[in-house]
PDB file of N, CA and C in Angstrom:
ATOM      1  N   GLY A   1     134.592 161.227 252.896  1.00  0.00           N
ATOM      2  CA  GLY A   1     134.317 160.747 251.527  1.00  0.00           C
ATOM      3  C   GLY A   1     135.149 159.733 251.244  1.00  0.00           C
ATOM      4  N   TYR A   2     134.580 159.020 249.938  1.00  0.00           N
ATOM      5  CA  TYR A   2     135.305 157.800 249.390  1.00  0.00           C
ATOM      6  C   TYR A   2     136.889 157.921 249.611  1.00  0.00           C
ATOM      7  N   ASN A   3     137.375 159.029 248.719  1.00  0.00           N
ATOM      8  CA  ASN A   3     138.871 159.261 249.119  1.00  0.00           C
ATOM      9  C   ASN A   3     139.544 158.858 250.421  1.00  0.00           C
ATOM     10  N   ASP A   4     138.753 159.435 251.243  1.00  0.00           N
ATOM     11  CA  ASP A   4     138.924 159.332 252.832  1.00  0.00           C
ATOM     12  C   ASP A   4     139.326 158.145 253.557  1.00  0.00           C
ATOM     13  N   SER A   5     138.198 157.358 252.842  1.00  0.00           N
ATOM     14  CA  SER A   5     138.392 155.935 253.322  1.00  0.00           C
ATOM     15  C   SER A   5     139.212 155.416 252.923  1.00  0.00           C
ATOM     16  N   ILE A   6     139.629 155.701 251.351  1.00  0.00           N
ATOM     17  CA  ILE A   6     140.613 154.982 251.052  1.00  0.00           C
ATOM     18  C   ILE A   6     141.859 154.740 251.786  1.00  0.00           C
ATOM     19  N   ARG A   7     141.828 156.190 251.755  1.00  0.00           N
ATOM     20  CA  ARG A   7     143.104 156.895 252.610  1.00  0.00           C
ATOM     21  C   ARG A   7     143.395 156.171 254.119  1.00  0.00           C
ATOM     22  N   SER A   8     142.302 155.804 254.820  1.00  0.00           N
ATOM     23  CA  SER A   8     142.258 155.323 256.192  1.00  0.00           C
ATOM     24  C   SER A   8     142.680 153.973 255.800  1.00  0.00           C
ATOM     25  N   CYS A   9     142.303 153.496 255.194  1.00  0.00           N
ATOM     26  CA  CYS A   9     142.730 151.983 254.754  1.00  0.00           C
ATOM     27  C   CYS A   9     143.809 151.923 254.394  1.00  0.00           C
ATOM     28  N   ARG A  10     144.614 152.485 253.678  1.00  0.00           N
ATOM     29  CA  ARG A  10     145.830 152.548 253.493  1.00  0.00           C
ATOM     30  C   ARG A  10     146.817 152.482 254.725  1.00  0.00           C
ATOM     31  N   LEU A  11     146.631 153.683 255.519  1.00  0.00           N
ATOM     32  CA  LEU A  11     146.880 153.817 257.113  1.00  0.00           C
ATOM     33  C   LEU A  11     146.758 152.504 257.855  1.00  0.00           C
ATOM     34  N   THR A  12     145.682 151.717 257.579  1.00  0.00           N
ATOM     35  CA  THR A  12     144.957 150.575 258.171  1.00  0.00           C
ATOM     36  C   THR A  12     144.982 149.441 257.843  1.00  0.00           C
ATOM     37  N   PRO A  13     146.079 148.995 257.352  1.00  0.00           N
ATOM     38  CA  PRO A  13     146.163 147.567 256.427  1.00  0.00           C
ATOM     39  C   PRO A  13     145.088 146.334 256.924  1.00  0.00           C
ATOM     40  N   GLN A  14     145.256 146.304 258.392  1.00  0.00           N
ATOM     41  CA  GLN A  14     144.253 145.283 258.928  1.00  0.00           C
ATOM     42  C   GLN A  14     142.969 145.440 258.769  1.00  0.00           C
ATOM     43  N   HIS A  15     142.431 146.628 258.459  1.00  0.00           N
ATOM     44  CA  HIS A  15     141.163 146.868 258.270  1.00  0.00           C
ATOM     45  C   HIS A  15     140.983 146.653 256.329  1.00  0.00           C
ATOM     46  N   ARG A  16     141.787 146.190 255.766  1.00  0.00           N
ATOM     47  CA  ARG A  16     141.872 146.447 254.067  1.00  0.00           C
ATOM     48  C   ARG A  16     140.791 145.567 253.982  1.00  0.00           C
ATOM     49  N   GLY A  17     140.335 144.088 254.427  1.00  0.00           N
ATOM     50  CA  GLY A  17     139.639 143.274 253.980  1.00  0.00           C
ATOM     51  C   GLY A  17     138.109 143.686 253.858  1.00  0.00           C
ATOM     52  N   THR A  18     138.065 144.206 255.608  1.00  0.00           N
ATOM     53  CA  THR A  18     136.571 144.732 256.032  1.00  0.00           C
ATOM     54  C   THR A  18     136.061 145.993 255.050  1.00  0.00           C
ATOM     55  N   PHE A  19     137.304 146.905 254.527  1.00  0.00           N
ATOM     56  CA  PHE A  19     136.864 147.873 253.848  1.00  0.00           C
ATOM     57  C   PHE A  19     136.561 147.366 252.210  1.00  0.00           C
ATOM     58  N   ARG A  20     136.952 146.555 251.383  1.00  0.00           N
ATOM     59  CA  ARG A  20     136.685 145.687 250.431  1.00  0.00           C
ATOM     60  C   ARG A  20     135.337 145.099 250.890  1.00  0.00           C
ATOM     61  N   ILE A  21     134.768 144.542 251.283  1.00  0.00           N
ATOM     62  CA  ILE A  21     133.952 144.116 251.661  1.00  0.00           C
ATOM     63  C   ILE A  21     132.679 144.618 251.530  1.00  0.00           C
ATOM     64  N   LYS A  22     132.768 145.908 252.271  1.00  0.00           N
ATOM     65  CA  LYS A  22     132.124 147.323 251.742  1.00  0.00           C
ATOM     66  C   LYS A  22     131.502 147.564 250.921  1.00  0.00           C
ATOM     67  N   VAL A  23     132.469 147.966 250.276  1.00  0.00           N
ATOM     68  CA  VAL A  23     132.721 148.488 249.130  1.00  0.00           C
ATOM     69  C   VAL A  23     132.030 147.623 247.914  1.00  0.00           C
ATOM     70  N   TYR A  24     132.086 146.175 248.134  1.00  0.00           N
ATOM     71  CA  TYR A  24     131.482 144.915 247.258  1.00  0.00           C
ATOM     72  C   TYR A  24     130.177 145.253 247.660  1.00  0.00           C
ATOM     73  N   GLU A  25     129.716 145.247 248.698  1.00  0.00           N
ATOM     74  CA  GLU A  25     128.310 145.606 249.144  1.00  0.00           C
ATOM     75  C   GLU A  25     127.388 146.320 248.741  1.00  0.00           C
ATOM     76  N   LYS A  26     128.248 147.849 248.745  1.00  0.00           N
ATOM     77  CA  LYS A  26     127.433 148.992 248.085  1.00  0.00           C
ATOM     78  C   LYS A  26     127.265 148.535 246.527  1.00  0.00           C
ATOM     79  N   GLU A  27     128.231 148.117 245.865  1.00  0.00           N
ATOM     80  CA  GLU A  27     128.495 147.872 244.423  1.00  0.00           C
ATOM     81  C   GLU A  27     127.269 147.050 244.220  1.00  0.00           C
ATOM     82  N   ASP A  28     127.208 145.895 244.992  1.00  0.00           N
ATOM     83  CA  ASP A  28     126.251 145.190 244.691  1.00  0.00           C
ATOM     84  C   ASP A  28     124.636 145.769 245.044  1.00  0.00           C
ATOM     85  N   PHE A  29     124.329 146.588 245.854  1.00  0.00           N
ATOM     86  CA  PHE A  29     123.179 147.188 246.090  1.00  0.00           C
ATOM     87  C   PHE A  29     122.669 148.257 245.018  1.00  0.00           C
ATOM     88  N   GLY A  30     124.047 148.791 244.473  1.00  0.00           N
ATOM     89  CA  GLY A  30     123.674 149.577 243.542  1.00  0.00           C
ATOM     90  C   GLY A  30     123.568 149.147 242.099  1.00  0.00           C
ATOM     91  N   GLY A  31     124.276 148.489 241.630  1.00  0.00           N
ATOM     92  CA  GLY A  31     123.717 147.418 240.560  1.00  0.00           C
ATOM     93  C   GLY A  31     122.222 146.972 240.682  1.00  0.00           C
ATOM     94  N   HIS A  32     122.059 146.424 241.564  1.00  0.00           N
ATOM     95  CA  HIS A  32     120.786 146.022 241.609  1.00  0.00           C
ATOM     96  C   HIS A  32     119.554 147.004 241.949  1.00  0.00           C
TER      97      HIS A  32
END
């Protein structure tokens, strides 16, 4: 789920940037 993704992101800081981009893309698609 969403919380699991955040938890994995915290465990792997190197993927944090990619995770943020995915979250922003989802928000954009949901907003439009």
